[in-house]
Amino acid sequence: MAYLNADIPPIYCKIRKEYLYDLTKHHGESEDCCVFSVTSITDRALLFNIMLPNGACFWRLPISAFFQEKFDRTVVPDMPIDQLQL
């Protein structure tokens, strides 16, 4: 499968913590992160690679996993990926 990785300027934001645990636990929690690159895979939405403050890296997370760091997780609505991708 062909894919492309590209570096981007760092974006400091928050991640919905359930995306770090296969959407099985930690719902409603968030953690700070730094988005540092993107991955493009054929027939998929754009994916992002991140680093957490403890140094852990996570690869290929969808845009729906992130929100601005100035907001609280409780006030950020869940939106479908097709709307966020636009």
PDB file of N, CA and C in Angstrom:
ATOM      1  N   MET A   1       0.851  -1.173   0.000  1.00  0.00           N
ATOM      2  CA  MET A   1       0.000   0.000   0.000  1.00  0.00           C
ATOM      3  C   MET A   1       0.900   1.241   0.000  1.00  0.00           C
ATOM      4  N   ALA A   2       0.639   2.153  -0.899  1.00  0.00           N
ATOM      5  CA  ALA A   2       1.435   3.366  -0.999  1.00  0.00           C
ATOM      6  C   ALA A   2       0.942   4.411  -0.004  1.00  0.00           C
ATOM      7  N   TYR A   3       1.880   5.050   0.674  1.00  0.00           N
ATOM      8  CA  TYR A   3       1.525   6.145   1.562  1.00  0.00           C
ATOM      9  C   TYR A   3       2.656   7.159   1.604  1.00  0.00           C
ATOM     10  N   LEU A   4       2.336   8.355   2.054  1.00  0.00           N
ATOM     11  CA  LEU A   4       3.291   9.450   2.082  1.00  0.00           C
ATOM     12  C   LEU A   4       3.316  10.052   3.480  1.00  0.00           C
ATOM     13  N   ASN A   5       4.496  10.199   4.047  1.00  0.00           N
ATOM     14  CA  ASN A   5       4.678  10.900   5.319  1.00  0.00           C
ATOM     15  C   ASN A   5       5.301  12.253   5.029  1.00  0.00           C
ATOM     16  N   ALA A   6       4.813  13.286   5.711  1.00  0.00           N
ATOM     17  CA  ALA A   6       5.370  14.630   5.522  1.00  0.00           C
ATOM     18  C   ALA A   6       5.444  15.343   6.864  1.00  0.00           C
ATOM     19  N   ASP A   7       6.563  16.003   7.102  1.00  0.00           N
ATOM     20  CA  ASP A   7       6.710  16.813   8.310  1.00  0.00           C
ATOM     21  C   ASP A   7       5.888  18.086   8.175  1.00  0.00           C
ATOM     22  N   ILE A   8       5.361  18.559   9.300  1.00  0.00           N
ATOM     23  CA  ILE A   8       4.642  19.829   9.348  1.00  0.00           C
ATOM     24  C   ILE A   8       5.168  20.619  10.539  1.00  0.00           C
ATOM     25  N   PRO A   9       4.962  21.937  10.554  1.00  0.00           N
ATOM     26  CA  PRO A   9       5.349  22.692  11.754  1.00  0.00           C
ATOM     27  C   PRO A   9       4.571  22.153  12.958  1.00  0.00           C
ATOM     28  N   PRO A  10       5.202  22.101  14.125  1.00  0.00           N
ATOM     29  CA  PRO A  10       4.527  21.524  15.298  1.00  0.00           C
ATOM     30  C   PRO A  10       3.231  22.259  15.639  1.00  0.00           C
ATOM     31  N   ILE A  11       2.200  21.485  15.943  1.00  0.00           N
ATOM     32  CA  ILE A  11       0.904  22.025  16.363  1.00  0.00           C
ATOM     33  C   ILE A  11       0.645  21.490  17.764  1.00  0.00           C
ATOM     34  N   TYR A  12       0.564  22.382  18.738  1.00  0.00           N
ATOM     35  CA  TYR A  12       0.299  21.972  20.115  1.00  0.00           C
ATOM     36  C   TYR A  12      -1.204  22.003  20.344  1.00  0.00           C
ATOM     37  N   CYS A  13      -1.749  20.867  20.755  1.00  0.00           N
ATOM     38  CA  CYS A  13      -3.193  20.741  20.942  1.00  0.00           C
ATOM     39  C   CYS A  13      -3.452  19.691  22.014  1.00  0.00           C
ATOM     40  N   LYS A  14      -4.683  19.226  22.096  1.00  0.00           N
ATOM     41  CA  LYS A  14      -5.036  18.148  23.014  1.00  0.00           C
ATOM     42  C   LYS A  14      -5.600  16.987  22.209  1.00  0.00           C
ATOM     43  N   ILE A  15      -5.425  15.796  22.750  1.00  0.00           N
ATOM     44  CA  ILE A  15      -5.962  14.596  22.117  1.00  0.00           C
ATOM     45  C   ILE A  15      -7.011  13.983  23.027  1.00  0.00           C
ATOM     46  N   ARG A  16      -8.058  13.463  22.430  1.00  0.00           N
ATOM     47  CA  ARG A  16      -9.065  12.722  23.191  1.00  0.00           C
ATOM     48  C   ARG A  16      -8.399  11.418  23.622  1.00  0.00           C
ATOM     49  N   LYS A  17      -8.298  11.219  24.912  1.00  0.00           N
ATOM     50  CA  LYS A  17      -7.496  10.125  25.449  1.00  0.00           C
ATOM     51  C   LYS A  17      -7.976   8.740  25.015  1.00  0.00           C
ATOM     52  N   GLU A  18      -9.244   8.585  24.684  1.00  0.00           N
ATOM     53  CA  GLU A  18      -9.730   7.272  24.265  1.00  0.00           C
ATOM     54  C   GLU A  18      -9.054   6.785  22.981  1.00  0.00           C
ATOM     55  N   TYR A  19      -8.537   7.699  22.145  1.00  0.00           N
ATOM     56  CA  TYR A  19      -7.836   7.306  20.928  1.00  0.00           C
ATOM     57  C   TYR A  19      -6.485   6.662  21.230  1.00  0.00           C
ATOM     58  N   LEU A  20      -5.963   6.858  22.423  1.00  0.00           N
ATOM     59  CA  LEU A  20      -4.701   6.236  22.822  1.00  0.00           C
ATOM     60  C   LEU A  20      -4.921   4.828  23.359  1.00  0.00           C
ATOM     61  N   TYR A  21      -6.182   4.464  23.620  1.00  0.00           N
ATOM     62  CA  TYR A  21      -6.529   3.170  24.210  1.00  0.00           C
ATOM     63  C   TYR A  21      -7.562   2.424  23.364  1.00  0.00           C
ATOM     64  N   ASP A  22      -7.442   2.485  22.048  1.00  0.00           N
ATOM     65  CA  ASP A  22      -8.328   1.771  21.119  1.00  0.00           C
ATOM     66  C   ASP A  22      -9.810   2.049  21.364  1.00  0.00           C
ATOM     67  N   LEU A  23     -10.130   3.256  21.796  1.00  0.00           N
ATOM     68  CA  LEU A  23     -11.512   3.696  22.031  1.00  0.00           C
ATOM     69  C   LEU A  23     -12.249   2.839  23.061  1.00  0.00           C
ATOM     70  N   THR A  24     -11.514   2.187  23.978  1.00  0.00           N
ATOM     71  CA  THR A  24     -12.147   1.297  24.950  1.00  0.00           C
ATOM     72  C   THR A  24     -12.265   1.890  26.350  1.00  0.00           C
ATOM     73  N   LYS A  25     -11.391   2.827  26.711  1.00  0.00           N
ATOM     74  CA  LYS A  25     -11.453   3.411  28.051  1.00  0.00           C
ATOM     75  C   LYS A  25     -10.961   4.850  28.022  1.00  0.00           C
ATOM     76  N   HIS A  26     -11.076   5.532  29.140  1.00  0.00           N
ATOM     77  CA  HIS A  26     -10.674   6.943  29.305  1.00  0.00           C
ATOM     78  C   HIS A  26     -11.536   7.899  28.480  1.00  0.00           C
ATOM     79  N   HIS A  27     -12.807   7.571  28.284  1.00  0.00           N
ATOM     80  CA  HIS A  27     -13.722   8.459  27.568  1.00  0.00           C
ATOM     81  C   HIS A  27     -13.925   9.740  28.372  1.00  0.00           C
ATOM     82  N   GLY A  28     -13.944  10.863  27.687  1.00  0.00           N
ATOM     83  CA  GLY A  28     -14.139  12.152  28.336  1.00  0.00           C
ATOM     84  C   GLY A  28     -12.877  12.771  28.893  1.00  0.00           C
ATOM     85  N   GLU A  29     -11.741  12.094  28.769  1.00  0.00           N
ATOM     86  CA  GLU A  29     -10.465  12.632  29.245  1.00  0.00           C
ATOM     87  C   GLU A  29      -9.644  13.128  28.062  1.00  0.00           C
ATOM     88  N   SER A  30      -8.663  13.982  28.352  1.00  0.00           N
ATOM     89  CA  SER A  30      -7.794  14.491  27.289  1.00  0.00           C
ATOM     90  C   SER A  30      -6.370  14.609  27.802  1.00  0.00           C
ATOM     91  N   GLU A  31      -5.443  14.769  26.863  1.00  0.00           N
ATOM     92  CA  GLU A  31      -4.029  14.920  27.208  1.00  0.00           C
ATOM     93  C   GLU A  31      -3.382  15.862  26.193  1.00  0.00           C
ATOM     94  N   ASP A  32      -2.415  16.641  26.638  1.00  0.00           N
ATOM     95  CA  ASP A  32      -1.681  17.524  25.737  1.00  0.00           C
ATOM     96  C   ASP A  32      -0.861  16.692  24.756  1.00  0.00           C
ATOM     97  N   CYS A  33      -0.651  17.227  23.555  1.00  0.00           N
ATOM     98  CA  CYS A  33       0.171  16.539  22.566  1.00  0.00           C
ATOM     99  C   CYS A  33       0.741  17.550  21.574  1.00  0.00           C
ATOM    100  N   CYS A  34       1.676  17.073  20.779  1.00  0.00           N
ATOM    101  CA  CYS A  34       2.271  17.869  19.713  1.00  0.00           C
ATOM    102  C   CYS A  34       2.156  17.077  18.413  1.00  0.00           C
ATOM    103  N   VAL A  35       1.428  17.622  17.449  1.00  0.00           N
ATOM    104  CA  VAL A  35       1.308  16.993  16.127  1.00  0.00           C
ATOM    105  C   VAL A  35       2.521  17.445  15.321  1.00  0.00           C
ATOM    106  N   PHE A  36       3.301  16.484  14.782  1.00  0.00           N
ATOM    107  CA  PHE A  36       4.528  16.866  14.080  1.00  0.00           C
ATOM    108  C   PHE A  36       4.603  16.387  12.633  1.00  0.00           C
ATOM    109  N   SER A  37       3.699  15.507  12.211  1.00  0.00           N
ATOM    110  CA  SER A  37       3.710  15.098  10.805  1.00  0.00           C
ATOM    111  C   SER A  37       2.356  14.519  10.406  1.00  0.00           C
ATOM    112  N   VAL A  38       2.166  14.379   9.105  1.00  0.00           N
ATOM    113  CA  VAL A  38       0.932  13.822   8.555  1.00  0.00           C
ATOM    114  C   VAL A  38       1.260  12.598   7.708  1.00  0.00           C
ATOM    115  N   THR A  39       0.268  11.737   7.567  1.00  0.00           N
ATOM    116  CA  THR A  39       0.389  10.559   6.711  1.00  0.00           C
ATOM    117  C   THR A  39      -0.796  10.534   5.764  1.00  0.00           C
ATOM    118  N   SER A  40      -0.501  10.319   4.507  1.00  0.00           N
ATOM    119  CA  SER A  40      -1.543  10.229   3.494  1.00  0.00           C
ATOM    120  C   SER A  40      -1.554   8.804   2.951  1.00  0.00           C
ATOM    121  N   ILE A  41      -2.701   8.131   3.099  1.00  0.00           N
ATOM    122  CA  ILE A  41      -2.868   6.768   2.597  1.00  0.00           C
ATOM    123  C   ILE A  41      -4.029   6.784   1.608  1.00  0.00           C
ATOM    124  N   THR A  42      -3.875   6.096   0.507  1.00  0.00           N
ATOM    125  CA  THR A  42      -4.892   6.060  -0.534  1.00  0.00           C
ATOM    126  C   THR A  42      -6.247   5.638   0.024  1.00  0.00           C
ATOM    127  N   ASP A  43      -7.295   6.375  -0.353  1.00  0.00           N
ATOM    128  CA  ASP A  43      -8.681   6.089   0.030  1.00  0.00           C
ATOM    129  C   ASP A  43      -8.961   6.217   1.521  1.00  0.00           C
ATOM    130  N   ARG A  44      -8.160   6.987   2.238  1.00  0.00           N
ATOM    131  CA  ARG A  44      -8.390   7.240   3.665  1.00  0.00           C
ATOM    132  C   ARG A  44      -8.309   8.730   3.947  1.00  0.00           C
ATOM    133  N   ALA A  45      -8.896   9.134   5.058  1.00  0.00           N
ATOM    134  CA  ALA A  45      -8.764  10.527   5.496  1.00  0.00           C
ATOM    135  C   ALA A  45      -7.322  10.768   5.936  1.00  0.00           C
ATOM    136  N   LEU A  46      -6.923  12.020   5.948  1.00  0.00           N
ATOM    137  CA  LEU A  46      -5.586  12.406   6.371  1.00  0.00           C
ATOM    138  C   LEU A  46      -5.352  11.971   7.813  1.00  0.00           C
ATOM    139  N   LEU A  47      -4.183  11.423   8.107  1.00  0.00           N
ATOM    140  CA  LEU A  47      -3.848  10.921   9.443  1.00  0.00           C
ATOM    141  C   LEU A  47      -2.665  11.705  10.005  1.00  0.00           C
ATOM    142  N   PHE A  48      -2.576  11.773  11.327  1.00  0.00           N
ATOM    143  CA  PHE A  48      -1.565  12.600  11.981  1.00  0.00           C
ATOM    144  C   PHE A  48      -0.712  11.781  12.936  1.00  0.00           C
ATOM    145  N   ASN A  49       0.557  12.169  13.066  1.00  0.00           N
ATOM    146  CA  ASN A  49       1.496  11.533  13.982  1.00  0.00           C
ATOM    147  C   ASN A  49       1.791  12.514  15.110  1.00  0.00           C
ATOM    148  N   ILE A  50       1.797  12.007  16.358  1.00  0.00           N
ATOM    149  CA  ILE A  50       1.920  12.905  17.509  1.00  0.00           C
ATOM    150  C   ILE A  50       2.971  12.418  18.499  1.00  0.00           C
ATOM    151  N   MET A  51       3.349  13.342  19.380  1.00  0.00           N
ATOM    152  CA  MET A  51       4.201  13.007  20.517  1.00  0.00           C
ATOM    153  C   MET A  51       3.553  13.567  21.774  1.00  0.00           C
ATOM    154  N   LEU A  52       3.516  12.764  22.825  1.00  0.00           N
ATOM    155  CA  LEU A  52       2.974  13.179  24.111  1.00  0.00           C
ATOM    156  C   LEU A  52       4.081  13.798  24.964  1.00  0.00           C
ATOM    157  N   PRO A  53       3.735  14.518  26.034  1.00  0.00           N
ATOM    158  CA  PRO A  53       4.755  15.125  26.895  1.00  0.00           C
ATOM    159  C   PRO A  53       5.736  14.116  27.501  1.00  0.00           C
ATOM    160  N   ASN A  54       5.308  12.863  27.683  1.00  0.00           N
ATOM    161  CA  ASN A  54       6.209  11.849  28.252  1.00  0.00           C
ATOM    162  C   ASN A  54       7.125  11.217  27.202  1.00  0.00           C
ATOM    163  N   GLY A  55       7.030  11.661  25.936  1.00  0.00           N
ATOM    164  CA  GLY A  55       7.897  11.176  24.869  1.00  0.00           C
ATOM    165  C   GLY A  55       7.303  10.067  24.019  1.00  0.00           C
ATOM    166  N   ALA A  56       6.135   9.560  24.384  1.00  0.00           N
ATOM    167  CA  ALA A  56       5.492   8.496  23.602  1.00  0.00           C
ATOM    168  C   ALA A  56       5.005   9.044  22.261  1.00  0.00           C
ATOM    169  N   CYS A  57       5.235   8.281  21.201  1.00  0.00           N
ATOM    170  CA  CYS A  57       4.773   8.665  19.869  1.00  0.00           C
ATOM    171  C   CYS A  57       3.617   7.756  19.452  1.00  0.00           C
ATOM    172  N   PHE A  58       2.618   8.340  18.827  1.00  0.00           N
ATOM    173  CA  PHE A  58       1.493   7.595  18.272  1.00  0.00           C
ATOM    174  C   PHE A  58       1.378   7.982  16.807  1.00  0.00           C
ATOM    175  N   TRP A  59       1.090   6.995  15.974  1.00  0.00           N
ATOM    176  CA  TRP A  59       1.093   7.180  14.535  1.00  0.00           C
ATOM    177  C   TRP A  59      -0.296   7.002  13.956  1.00  0.00           C
ATOM    178  N   ARG A  60      -0.572   7.746  12.901  1.00  0.00           N
ATOM    179  CA  ARG A  60      -1.779   7.595  12.084  1.00  0.00           C
ATOM    180  C   ARG A  60      -3.074   7.734  12.878  1.00  0.00           C
ATOM    181  N   LEU A  61      -3.229   8.855  13.543  1.00  0.00           N
ATOM    182  CA  LEU A  61      -4.464   9.161  14.266  1.00  0.00           C
ATOM    183  C   LEU A  61      -5.333  10.079  13.415  1.00  0.00           C
ATOM    184  N   PRO A  62      -6.644   9.880  13.414  1.00  0.00           N
ATOM    185  CA  PRO A  62      -7.528  10.716  12.594  1.00  0.00           C
ATOM    186  C   PRO A  62      -7.704  12.110  13.190  1.00  0.00           C
ATOM    187  N   ILE A  63      -8.152  13.036  12.380  1.00  0.00           N
ATOM    188  CA  ILE A  63      -8.341  14.419  12.824  1.00  0.00           C
ATOM    189  C   ILE A  63      -9.394  14.519  13.933  1.00  0.00           C
ATOM    190  N   SER A  64     -10.294  13.567  14.000  1.00  0.00           N
ATOM    191  CA  SER A  64     -11.336  13.588  15.036  1.00  0.00           C
ATOM    192  C   SER A  64     -10.770  13.349  16.435  1.00  0.00           C
ATOM    193  N   ALA A  65      -9.514  12.955  16.545  1.00  0.00           N
ATOM    194  CA  ALA A  65      -8.896  12.706  17.845  1.00  0.00           C
ATOM    195  C   ALA A  65      -8.428  13.994  18.526  1.00  0.00           C
ATOM    196  N   PHE A  66      -8.387  15.116  17.810  1.00  0.00           N
ATOM    197  CA  PHE A  66      -7.755  16.331  18.331  1.00  0.00           C
ATOM    198  C   PHE A  66      -8.728  17.484  18.537  1.00  0.00           C
ATOM    199  N   PHE A  67      -8.353  18.390  19.438  1.00  0.00           N
ATOM    200  CA  PHE A  67      -9.067  19.653  19.607  1.00  0.00           C
ATOM    201  C   PHE A  67      -8.090  20.679  20.174  1.00  0.00           C
ATOM    202  N   GLN A  68      -8.457  21.960  20.088  1.00  0.00           N
ATOM    203  CA  GLN A  68      -7.573  23.042  20.510  1.00  0.00           C
ATOM    204  C   GLN A  68      -7.290  22.968  21.998  1.00  0.00           C
ATOM    205  N   GLU A  69      -6.059  23.326  22.369  1.00  0.00           N
ATOM    206  CA  GLU A  69      -5.640  23.182  23.754  1.00  0.00           C
ATOM    207  C   GLU A  69      -6.314  24.158  24.711  1.00  0.00           C
ATOM    208  N   LYS A  70      -6.922  25.216  24.207  1.00  0.00           N
ATOM    209  CA  LYS A  70      -7.572  26.178  25.107  1.00  0.00           C
ATOM    210  C   LYS A  70      -8.962  25.722  25.555  1.00  0.00           C
ATOM    211  N   PHE A  71      -9.503  24.648  24.941  1.00  0.00           N
ATOM    212  CA  PHE A  71     -10.833  24.165  25.281  1.00  0.00           C
ATOM    213  C   PHE A  71     -10.775  23.008  26.270  1.00  0.00           C
ATOM    214  N   ASP A  72     -11.873  22.821  26.998  1.00  0.00           N
ATOM    215  CA  ASP A  72     -12.033  21.688  27.890  1.00  0.00           C
ATOM    216  C   ASP A  72     -12.724  20.565  27.130  1.00  0.00           C
ATOM    217  N   ARG A  73     -12.395  19.331  27.415  1.00  0.00           N
ATOM    218  CA  ARG A  73     -12.961  18.171  26.691  1.00  0.00           C
ATOM    219  C   ARG A  73     -14.484  18.123  26.773  1.00  0.00           C
ATOM    220  N   THR A  74     -15.055  18.594  27.861  1.00  0.00           N
ATOM    221  CA  THR A  74     -16.500  18.499  28.049  1.00  0.00           C
ATOM    222  C   THR A  74     -17.297  19.422  27.125  1.00  0.00           C
ATOM    223  N   VAL A  75     -16.676  20.477  26.608  1.00  0.00           N
ATOM    224  CA  VAL A  75     -17.401  21.422  25.744  1.00  0.00           C
ATOM    225  C   VAL A  75     -17.145  21.199  24.258  1.00  0.00           C
ATOM    226  N   VAL A  76     -16.278  20.242  23.915  1.00  0.00           N
ATOM    227  CA  VAL A  76     -15.948  19.976  22.522  1.00  0.00           C
ATOM    228  C   VAL A  76     -16.875  18.877  21.998  1.00  0.00           C
ATOM    229  N   PRO A  77     -17.693  19.165  20.972  1.00  0.00           N
ATOM    230  CA  PRO A  77     -18.610  18.147  20.458  1.00  0.00           C
ATOM    231  C   PRO A  77     -17.874  17.100  19.611  1.00  0.00           C
ATOM    232  N   ASP A  78     -18.405  15.900  19.591  1.00  0.00           N
ATOM    233  CA  ASP A  78     -17.883  14.861  18.701  1.00  0.00           C
ATOM    234  C   ASP A  78     -18.471  15.099  17.317  1.00  0.00           C
ATOM    235  N   MET A  79     -17.609  15.123  16.314  1.00  0.00           N
ATOM    236  CA  MET A  79     -18.055  15.354  14.941  1.00  0.00           C
ATOM    237  C   MET A  79     -17.548  14.227  14.047  1.00  0.00           C
ATOM    238  N   PRO A  80     -18.302  13.889  12.995  1.00  0.00           N
ATOM    239  CA  PRO A  80     -17.842  12.837  12.091  1.00  0.00           C
ATOM    240  C   PRO A  80     -16.628  13.281  11.273  1.00  0.00           C
ATOM    241  N   ILE A  81     -15.826  12.314  10.895  1.00  0.00           N
ATOM    242  CA  ILE A  81     -14.581  12.589  10.181  1.00  0.00           C
ATOM    243  C   ILE A  81     -14.820  13.280   8.843  1.00  0.00           C
ATOM    244  N   ASP A  82     -15.904  12.946   8.147  1.00  0.00           N
ATOM    245  CA  ASP A  82     -16.140  13.548   6.828  1.00  0.00           C
ATOM    246  C   ASP A  82     -16.377  15.061   6.929  1.00  0.00           C
ATOM    247  N   GLN A  83     -16.928  15.546   8.025  1.00  0.00           N
ATOM    248  CA  GLN A  83     -17.107  16.983   8.218  1.00  0.00           C
ATOM    249  C   GLN A  83     -15.793  17.646   8.633  1.00  0.00           C
ATOM    250  N   LEU A  84     -15.016  16.980   9.454  1.00  0.00           N
ATOM    251  CA  LEU A  84     -13.755  17.540   9.919  1.00  0.00           C
ATOM    252  C   LEU A  84     -12.717  17.586   8.808  1.00  0.00           C
ATOM    253  N   GLN A  85     -12.729  16.619   7.936  1.00  0.00           N
ATOM    254  CA  GLN A  85     -11.745  16.557   6.841  1.00  0.00           C
ATOM    255  C   GLN A  85     -11.863  17.769   5.917  1.00  0.00           C
ATOM    256  N   LEU A  86     -13.076  18.277   5.733  1.00  0.00           N
ATOM    257  CA  LEU A  86     -13.260  19.442   4.861  1.00  0.00           C
ATOM    258  C   LEU A  86     -12.539  20.642   5.427  1.00  0.00           C
TER     259      LEU A  86
END
